[in-house]
Amino acid sequence: MRLLTGGKLATMDAQGADYGLVGDGAVVIDGDRIRWAGPAKDLPRDYRDAPATDLGGRLVTPGLIDCHTHLVHGGDRAREFEMRLEGASYEEIARAGGGILSSVTATRDGSDTALLETALARADHLLAEGVTTLEIKSGYGLTVEAELKMLRVARRIADARPVSVVTSWLAAHALPPEYRDNRAGYLREVVIAGLDRAHAEGLVDAVDGFCEGIAFQPDEIALVFDRATALGLPVKLHAEQLSDLGGAKLVAGYGGLSADHLEWLGQDGVAAMAAAGTVAVLLPGAFYTLRETRYPPVEALRDAGVPIALATDANPGTSPLTSILLTMNMGCTLFRLTPAEALAGVTRNAARALGLADRGRIAAGLRADLAVWDVEHPAELSYRIGFNPLYSRIFGGELV
């Protein structure tokens, strides 16, 4: 058992627009769990003799959670970024072998070792900013074996680093060229058949899809979600990023964990998410990179009581972002979230978006995943740009 004293706790245990601040707080850690947390003056006598660490007035938050990433992939698309700035169109880039298919080719060709090495480099940036839980999707293999390879690599990240990894099956991400004229065959032979294998091998924690005109239609996603439901797996969805196809309403109808992106979300989708308890995951990195101009309906989500999470969407094409702190700043600056909403978005609500009830707050019984910061007030975490004030990270009760 160990005792942390002299900390300013942002417990995130309040449900309103508040940090749940405890000015002079203490945290008792027993193994990988929080045994007690609260004002130091209320510390139970039984814990007062535990080995103590004085945090010197530093801010303590729950460990941060990045609930939407594509960290495992081959190659990069920096040259495409350059080509776009030089005036090349999307079609010209695609004809030159670019776009998502370039990531698919590099991912299929990459060895497990090579994919793990590059994914760890990206993960390390996030861990250095206080992240203790990561979600990682497949979706750049688009064959059964390549998708399984991505998830195996994702699982290995948790073996190689002190971080929890949650995996999502995202084979319904894009249609590969070999199935261009056989959409039903791809859904049957790769997306659903591969999901069965991933589930049998214990590689998948949730099922995702991309519901968009350039990807898959709602009726196609429903086939995937039906199979996920039969397997007892929760679902989530890339929805309403470029148009309103009703994806948010669809995933809410399955009791989905989250609907992500949501720039084109309509009021019917907001209402469906509110009724189902589906979390809105906003991804400002993709909004920024694509220079979008239509904003997700933050005010409508607030009014309806829909929980709002934030994530990096770290991926090679539309959000090459591996900073959770910059994501928080973008959430405030671009989407007008408050700093308290931004911190809730990468703690309490991000945990909910992953179906994890044992983290995201500082409270007795939850995982002892914590971040300690050299700041006076939690608003500084969203306020600063390109500055990392992390003092230490505690994962499962261990200082790392």
Protein backbone atom coordinates (compact mmCIF):
# COMPACT_ATOMS: atom_id res chain seq x y z
CA MET A 1 0.00 0.00 0.00
CA ARG A 2 1.25 3.51 -0.74
CA LEU A 3 0.01 7.01 -0.01
CA LEU A 4 0.17 10.08 -2.23
CA THR A 5 -0.12 13.38 -0.35
CA GLY A 6 0.14 17.06 -1.20
CA GLY A 7 -1.69 16.72 -4.50
CA LYS A 8 -4.39 18.87 -6.04
CA LEU A 9 -6.84 16.24 -7.31
CA ALA A 10 -8.93 16.70 -10.43
CA THR A 11 -11.04 13.66 -9.61
CA MET A 12 -13.36 14.07 -12.65
CA ASP A 13 -15.93 12.42 -10.40
CA ALA A 14 -18.47 15.19 -10.90
CA GLN A 15 -20.92 14.83 -13.78
CA GLY A 16 -21.26 18.53 -14.56
CA ALA A 17 -18.87 20.99 -16.18
CA ASP A 18 -16.45 20.64 -13.29
CA TYR A 19 -13.13 18.98 -12.50
CA GLY A 20 -14.22 17.59 -9.14
CA LEU A 21 -11.28 19.46 -7.59
CA VAL A 22 -9.90 18.57 -4.17
CA GLY A 23 -7.43 21.29 -3.16
CA ASP A 24 -5.23 19.41 -0.69
CA GLY A 25 -5.83 15.81 -1.56
CA ALA A 26 -4.52 12.37 -0.77
CA VAL A 27 -4.75 9.08 -2.65
CA VAL A 28 -4.26 5.64 -1.13
CA ILE A 29 -3.12 3.00 -3.63
CA ASP A 30 -3.38 -0.71 -2.91
CA GLY A 31 -1.96 -2.87 -5.68
CA ASP A 32 -3.40 -1.66 -8.96
CA ARG A 33 -6.45 -0.03 -7.33
CA ILE A 34 -7.31 3.19 -5.57
CA ARG A 35 -8.28 2.30 -2.01
CA TRP A 36 -9.25 5.83 -0.95
CA ALA A 37 -9.13 9.38 -2.36
CA GLY A 38 -10.23 12.70 -0.93
CA PRO A 39 -9.22 15.70 1.17
CA ALA A 40 -6.07 15.02 3.19
CA LYS A 41 -7.81 16.18 6.36
CA ASP A 42 -10.29 13.32 5.95
CA LEU A 43 -7.68 10.60 5.43
CA PRO A 44 -8.76 7.58 7.53
CA ARG A 45 -6.44 6.81 10.42
CA ASP A 46 -5.76 3.30 9.08
CA TYR A 47 -3.86 4.76 6.10
CA ARG A 48 -1.83 7.48 7.78
CA ASP A 49 1.21 5.30 8.40
CA ALA A 50 1.46 3.99 4.82
CA PRO A 51 4.68 4.86 2.91
CA ALA A 52 3.99 8.34 1.56
CA THR A 53 5.06 10.42 -1.43
CA ASP A 54 4.59 14.17 -1.19
CA LEU A 55 3.53 15.58 -4.59
CA GLY A 56 4.40 19.13 -3.64
CA GLY A 57 1.08 20.67 -4.61
CA ARG A 58 1.12 19.26 -8.14
CA LEU A 59 -2.06 18.49 -10.06
CA VAL A 60 -3.19 14.86 -10.20
CA THR A 61 -5.64 13.69 -12.86
CA PRO A 62 -6.83 10.27 -13.92
CA GLY A 63 -4.50 8.71 -16.47
CA LEU A 64 -5.49 10.03 -19.89
CA ILE A 65 -7.32 7.82 -22.38
CA ASP A 66 -7.02 8.03 -26.17
CA CYS A 67 -10.22 6.28 -27.23
CA HIS A 68 -9.84 6.40 -31.06
CA THR A 69 -6.54 5.65 -32.81
CA HIS A 70 -5.17 3.82 -35.83
CA LEU A 71 -1.66 3.48 -34.37
CA VAL A 72 -0.75 0.24 -36.18
CA HIS A 73 -0.07 0.79 -39.87
CA GLY A 74 2.73 0.61 -42.40
CA GLY A 75 4.38 3.57 -44.05
CA ASP A 76 3.32 7.21 -43.94
CA ARG A 77 1.69 9.65 -46.32
CA ALA A 78 3.92 12.69 -45.89
CA ARG A 79 4.53 12.92 -49.63
CA GLU A 80 0.77 13.08 -50.25
CA PHE A 81 0.56 15.94 -47.76
CA GLU A 82 3.21 17.71 -49.78
CA MET A 83 1.48 16.93 -53.08
CA ARG A 84 -1.82 18.38 -51.85
CA LEU A 85 -0.08 21.58 -50.86
CA GLU A 86 1.47 21.67 -54.33
CA GLY A 87 -2.02 21.55 -55.84
CA ALA A 88 -2.55 17.86 -56.63
CA SER A 89 -6.14 16.65 -56.42
CA TYR A 90 -7.31 13.62 -54.47
CA GLU A 91 -7.84 11.79 -57.78
CA GLU A 92 -4.32 12.58 -58.95
CA ILE A 93 -2.87 11.32 -55.70
CA ALA A 94 -4.95 8.14 -55.90
CA ARG A 95 -3.83 7.49 -59.49
CA ALA A 96 -0.24 7.83 -58.30
CA GLY A 97 -0.87 5.00 -55.83
CA GLY A 98 -1.66 7.22 -52.85
CA GLY A 99 -4.59 7.53 -50.51
CA ILE A 100 -5.71 4.82 -48.14
CA LEU A 101 -4.57 2.14 -50.56
CA SER A 102 -0.94 3.20 -50.09
CA SER A 103 -1.36 2.56 -46.35
CA VAL A 104 -3.04 -0.76 -47.13
CA THR A 105 -0.13 -1.85 -49.32
CA ALA A 106 2.46 -0.84 -46.74
CA THR A 107 0.54 -2.53 -43.93
CA ARG A 108 0.06 -5.76 -45.84
CA ASP A 109 3.76 -5.81 -46.74
CA GLY A 110 4.99 -4.92 -43.25
CA SER A 111 6.21 -7.62 -40.90
CA ASP A 112 4.84 -7.93 -37.39
CA THR A 113 8.18 -6.71 -36.07
CA ALA A 114 8.29 -3.66 -38.32
CA LEU A 115 4.68 -2.71 -37.58
CA LEU A 116 5.27 -3.09 -33.84
CA GLU A 117 8.41 -0.94 -33.93
CA THR A 118 6.69 1.99 -35.65
CA ALA A 119 3.51 1.66 -33.56
CA LEU A 120 5.55 1.73 -30.35
CA ALA A 121 7.25 4.94 -31.46
CA ARG A 122 3.81 6.55 -31.88
CA ALA A 123 2.52 5.12 -28.63
CA ASP A 124 5.53 6.45 -26.75
CA HIS A 125 4.57 10.02 -27.66
CA LEU A 126 1.12 9.48 -26.16
CA LEU A 127 2.42 7.79 -23.02
CA ALA A 128 4.83 10.69 -22.50
CA GLU A 129 1.77 12.95 -22.25
CA GLY A 130 0.05 10.95 -19.54
CA VAL A 131 -1.90 8.37 -21.56
CA THR A 132 -2.51 5.10 -19.72
CA THR A 133 -5.17 3.52 -21.97
CA LEU A 134 -5.17 3.33 -25.78
CA GLU A 135 -7.76 2.13 -28.26
CA ILE A 136 -6.24 0.76 -31.49
CA LYS A 137 -8.17 -0.23 -34.61
CA SER A 138 -7.46 -2.52 -37.51
CA GLY A 139 -8.58 -1.28 -40.93
CA TYR A 140 -5.44 -0.92 -43.07
CA GLY A 141 -5.07 -4.59 -43.98
CA LEU A 142 -8.42 -5.30 -45.66
CA THR A 143 -7.69 -9.02 -45.85
CA VAL A 144 -8.43 -11.42 -43.03
CA GLU A 145 -4.78 -12.20 -42.38
CA ALA A 146 -3.60 -8.59 -42.57
CA GLU A 147 -6.38 -7.37 -40.28
CA LEU A 148 -5.56 -10.10 -37.75
CA LYS A 149 -1.89 -9.15 -38.00
CA MET A 150 -2.73 -5.56 -37.05
CA LEU A 151 -4.65 -6.66 -33.96
CA ARG A 152 -1.91 -9.05 -32.88
CA VAL A 153 0.56 -6.19 -33.07
CA ALA A 154 -1.81 -3.96 -31.10
CA ARG A 155 -2.00 -6.57 -28.34
CA ARG A 156 1.81 -6.72 -28.22
CA ILE A 157 2.01 -2.99 -27.48
CA ALA A 158 0.49 -3.68 -24.06
CA ASP A 159 3.15 -6.34 -23.49
CA ALA A 160 5.96 -3.97 -24.45
CA ARG A 161 4.80 -0.85 -22.65
CA PRO A 162 2.98 0.01 -19.40
CA VAL A 163 -0.35 0.85 -21.05
CA SER A 164 -3.74 -0.80 -21.47
CA VAL A 165 -4.75 -1.48 -25.08
CA VAL A 166 -8.33 -1.94 -26.27
CA THR A 167 -8.74 -3.26 -29.83
CA SER A 168 -11.42 -2.63 -32.44
CA TRP A 169 -12.15 -4.67 -35.59
CA LEU A 170 -12.42 -2.14 -38.44
CA ALA A 171 -12.28 -4.25 -41.57
CA ALA A 172 -15.35 -2.28 -42.78
CA HIS A 173 -13.07 0.72 -43.32
CA ALA A 174 -12.66 0.74 -47.09
CA LEU A 175 -13.23 -1.54 -50.07
CA PRO A 176 -9.96 -3.01 -51.38
CA PRO A 177 -9.39 -3.05 -55.17
CA GLU A 178 -9.68 -6.83 -55.44
CA TYR A 179 -13.31 -6.54 -54.23
CA ARG A 180 -14.23 -3.42 -56.19
CA ASP A 181 -17.04 -5.23 -57.98
CA ASN A 182 -18.03 -7.52 -55.11
CA ARG A 183 -19.02 -5.50 -52.04
CA ALA A 184 -21.21 -8.26 -50.64
CA GLY A 185 -18.35 -10.72 -51.04
CA TYR A 186 -15.97 -8.46 -49.13
CA LEU A 187 -18.40 -8.04 -46.26
CA ARG A 188 -19.03 -11.78 -46.10
CA GLU A 189 -15.54 -13.17 -46.78
CA VAL A 190 -13.34 -10.59 -45.04
CA VAL A 191 -15.28 -8.38 -42.64
CA ILE A 192 -17.58 -10.97 -41.08
CA ALA A 193 -15.47 -14.10 -41.56
CA GLY A 194 -12.44 -12.25 -40.24
CA LEU A 195 -14.41 -10.99 -37.26
CA ASP A 196 -15.28 -14.56 -36.36
CA ARG A 197 -11.60 -15.48 -36.41
CA ALA A 198 -10.53 -12.39 -34.45
CA HIS A 199 -13.12 -13.18 -31.80
CA ALA A 200 -12.06 -16.82 -31.62
CA GLU A 201 -8.44 -15.76 -31.12
CA GLY A 202 -9.31 -13.21 -28.42
CA LEU A 203 -7.99 -10.33 -30.49
CA VAL A 204 -11.03 -8.05 -30.58
CA ASP A 205 -12.76 -6.01 -27.88
CA ALA A 206 -15.21 -4.05 -30.05
CA VAL A 207 -16.39 -3.72 -33.66
CA ASP A 208 -16.17 -0.51 -35.70
CA GLY A 209 -17.05 0.59 -39.22
CA PHE A 210 -16.89 3.60 -41.53
CA CYS A 211 -20.41 4.62 -42.53
CA GLU A 212 -19.96 7.10 -45.38
CA GLY A 213 -20.57 7.51 -49.09
CA ILE A 214 -16.93 6.67 -49.82
CA ALA A 215 -17.02 3.63 -47.54
CA PHE A 216 -20.06 1.58 -46.42
CA GLN A 217 -23.79 2.23 -46.33
CA PRO A 218 -25.94 1.81 -43.20
CA ASP A 219 -27.48 -1.46 -44.40
CA GLU A 220 -23.99 -2.89 -44.93
CA ILE A 221 -22.82 -1.77 -41.50
CA ALA A 222 -25.94 -3.32 -39.98
CA LEU A 223 -24.84 -6.74 -41.28
CA VAL A 224 -21.53 -6.33 -39.46
CA PHE A 225 -23.20 -5.10 -36.28
CA ASP A 226 -25.62 -8.03 -36.35
CA ARG A 227 -22.67 -10.40 -36.31
CA ALA A 228 -20.91 -8.43 -33.58
CA THR A 229 -24.06 -8.58 -31.46
CA ALA A 230 -24.31 -12.32 -31.96
CA LEU A 231 -20.72 -12.63 -30.71
CA GLY A 232 -21.44 -10.46 -27.69
CA LEU A 233 -19.15 -7.65 -28.85
CA PRO A 234 -19.96 -3.94 -28.40
CA VAL A 235 -20.07 -1.68 -31.46
CA LYS A 236 -18.98 1.83 -32.38
CA LEU A 237 -18.97 3.74 -35.66
CA HIS A 238 -17.21 6.38 -37.74
CA ALA A 239 -20.34 8.39 -38.54
CA GLU A 240 -21.47 11.66 -40.10
CA GLN A 241 -17.94 12.85 -40.92
CA LEU A 242 -18.61 13.93 -44.52
CA SER A 243 -22.39 13.60 -44.82
CA ASP A 244 -25.41 12.55 -42.76
CA LEU A 245 -26.23 8.94 -43.63
CA GLY A 246 -27.83 8.20 -40.29
CA GLY A 247 -24.85 6.31 -38.94
CA ALA A 248 -25.13 7.77 -35.44
CA LYS A 249 -28.78 6.75 -35.23
CA LEU A 250 -27.82 3.30 -36.51
CA VAL A 251 -25.10 2.67 -33.94
CA ALA A 252 -27.27 4.08 -31.16
CA GLY A 253 -29.94 1.58 -32.16
CA TYR A 254 -27.48 -1.19 -31.32
CA GLY A 255 -26.72 0.41 -27.95
CA GLY A 256 -23.33 1.38 -29.36
CA LEU A 257 -20.46 2.63 -27.24
CA SER A 258 -19.72 5.64 -29.44
CA ALA A 259 -20.28 7.50 -32.66
CA ASP A 260 -17.12 9.26 -33.84
CA HIS A 261 -16.41 12.40 -35.96
CA LEU A 262 -20.03 13.72 -36.22
CA GLU A 263 -19.49 16.96 -38.16
CA TRP A 264 -22.74 16.35 -40.11
CA LEU A 265 -24.74 14.96 -37.19
CA GLY A 266 -28.41 15.96 -37.24
CA GLN A 267 -30.87 16.38 -34.41
CA ASP A 268 -32.37 12.92 -34.90
CA GLY A 269 -28.92 11.41 -34.43
CA VAL A 270 -28.32 13.51 -31.32
CA ALA A 271 -31.62 12.34 -29.84
CA ALA A 272 -30.88 8.70 -30.62
CA MET A 273 -27.44 8.93 -29.01
CA ALA A 274 -28.87 10.59 -25.92
CA ALA A 275 -31.51 7.88 -25.53
CA ALA A 276 -28.96 5.08 -25.95
CA GLY A 277 -26.18 6.62 -23.84
CA THR A 278 -23.86 6.54 -26.87
CA VAL A 279 -20.78 8.74 -26.45
CA ALA A 280 -19.90 11.41 -29.03
CA VAL A 281 -16.18 11.09 -29.82
CA LEU A 282 -14.92 14.28 -31.46
CA LEU A 283 -11.73 14.14 -33.53
CA PRO A 284 -10.33 17.65 -34.04
CA GLY A 285 -7.10 16.37 -35.60
CA ALA A 286 -8.95 15.11 -38.68
CA PHE A 287 -11.08 18.28 -38.80
CA TYR A 288 -7.88 20.35 -38.76
CA THR A 289 -5.92 18.26 -41.27
CA LEU A 290 -8.77 18.14 -43.78
CA ARG A 291 -9.48 21.86 -43.26
CA GLU A 292 -13.14 21.15 -42.63
CA THR A 293 -15.56 24.02 -42.10
CA ARG A 294 -18.63 22.26 -40.71
CA TYR A 295 -18.43 21.84 -36.95
CA PRO A 296 -19.90 19.00 -34.90
CA PRO A 297 -23.06 20.19 -33.09
CA VAL A 298 -21.47 20.60 -29.67
CA GLU A 299 -24.25 22.76 -28.25
CA ALA A 300 -26.92 20.26 -29.30
CA LEU A 301 -24.92 17.42 -27.77
CA ARG A 302 -24.56 19.37 -24.53
CA ASP A 303 -28.25 20.23 -24.40
CA ALA A 304 -29.20 16.58 -24.94
CA GLY A 305 -26.81 15.35 -22.26
CA VAL A 306 -24.70 13.28 -24.68
CA PRO A 307 -21.25 12.58 -23.15
CA ILE A 308 -18.47 14.12 -25.26
CA ALA A 309 -15.06 12.46 -25.60
CA LEU A 310 -11.96 13.60 -27.49
CA ALA A 311 -9.32 11.48 -29.23
CA THR A 312 -6.34 11.91 -31.52
CA ASP A 313 -7.60 9.69 -34.38
CA ALA A 314 -3.88 9.07 -34.92
CA ASN A 315 -3.61 7.75 -38.49
CA PRO A 316 -1.31 8.17 -41.48
CA GLY A 317 -3.65 10.11 -43.75
CA THR A 318 -6.18 12.44 -42.17
CA SER A 319 -4.87 12.89 -38.60
CA PRO A 320 -1.14 12.23 -38.18
CA LEU A 321 -1.48 13.40 -34.59
CA THR A 322 0.14 11.74 -31.58
CA SER A 323 -0.43 14.44 -28.95
CA ILE A 324 -3.38 14.06 -26.59
CA LEU A 325 -2.61 17.48 -25.09
CA LEU A 326 -2.78 19.19 -28.48
CA THR A 327 -6.02 17.30 -29.09
CA MET A 328 -7.42 18.88 -25.93
CA ASN A 329 -6.35 22.33 -27.07
CA MET A 330 -7.91 21.74 -30.50
CA GLY A 331 -11.13 20.58 -28.86
CA CYS A 332 -11.33 23.90 -27.04
CA THR A 333 -10.05 26.19 -29.79
CA LEU A 334 -11.80 24.60 -32.78
CA PHE A 335 -14.94 23.11 -31.22
CA ARG A 336 -15.34 25.55 -28.29
CA LEU A 337 -15.29 22.93 -25.56
CA THR A 338 -14.44 24.19 -22.11
CA PRO A 339 -11.15 22.98 -20.57
CA ALA A 340 -13.20 20.95 -18.08
CA GLU A 341 -15.09 19.31 -20.97
CA ALA A 342 -11.79 18.61 -22.73
CA LEU A 343 -10.32 16.89 -19.67
CA ALA A 344 -13.52 14.91 -19.15
CA GLY A 345 -13.25 14.01 -22.84
CA VAL A 346 -9.92 12.25 -22.36
CA THR A 347 -10.73 10.73 -18.96
CA ARG A 348 -14.27 9.98 -17.75
CA ASN A 349 -16.05 10.12 -21.11
CA ALA A 350 -13.24 8.43 -23.02
CA ALA A 351 -13.46 5.51 -20.59
CA ARG A 352 -17.19 5.34 -21.23
CA ALA A 353 -16.58 5.36 -24.99
CA LEU A 354 -14.53 2.19 -24.51
CA GLY A 355 -16.98 0.55 -22.11
CA LEU A 356 -14.45 0.72 -19.27
CA ALA A 357 -16.12 1.48 -15.96
CA ASP A 358 -12.95 0.94 -13.90
CA ARG A 359 -11.01 4.05 -14.94
CA GLY A 360 -11.28 7.68 -16.02
CA ARG A 361 -11.90 9.07 -12.52
CA ILE A 362 -10.04 9.25 -9.22
CA ALA A 363 -12.27 7.26 -6.91
CA ALA A 364 -12.08 4.28 -4.58
CA GLY A 365 -12.22 0.94 -6.35
CA LEU A 366 -11.00 2.20 -9.72
CA ARG A 367 -7.67 1.45 -11.39
CA ALA A 368 -4.74 3.40 -10.01
CA ASP A 369 -3.94 4.98 -13.38
CA LEU A 370 -2.91 8.57 -12.67
CA ALA A 371 -1.01 11.46 -14.20
CA VAL A 372 0.84 14.06 -12.12
CA TRP A 373 1.38 17.49 -13.68
CA ASP A 374 3.53 20.54 -13.00
CA VAL A 375 0.63 22.97 -13.36
CA GLU A 376 -1.39 25.17 -11.03
CA HIS A 377 -4.80 24.54 -12.56
CA PRO A 378 -6.23 21.83 -14.86
CA ALA A 379 -7.18 24.43 -17.48
CA GLU A 380 -3.45 24.68 -18.29
CA LEU A 381 -3.57 21.21 -19.86
CA SER A 382 -5.80 22.56 -22.64
CA TYR A 383 -4.39 26.09 -22.69
CA ARG A 384 -0.77 25.43 -23.64
CA ILE A 385 0.31 24.56 -27.18
CA GLY A 386 3.33 22.32 -27.75
CA PHE A 387 4.19 22.12 -24.05
CA ASN A 388 4.14 18.97 -21.96
CA PRO A 389 3.97 19.56 -18.17
CA LEU A 390 3.78 15.86 -17.20
CA TYR A 391 5.72 15.19 -13.99
CA SER A 392 5.03 11.48 -13.63
CA ARG A 393 2.68 8.74 -14.77
CA ILE A 394 1.26 6.00 -12.54
CA PHE A 395 -0.01 2.87 -14.26
CA GLY A 396 -1.72 0.16 -12.29
CA GLY A 397 -0.36 1.64 -9.07
CA GLU A 398 3.25 1.69 -10.31
CA LEU A 399 5.28 4.81 -11.03
CA VAL A 400 6.52 4.53 -14.63
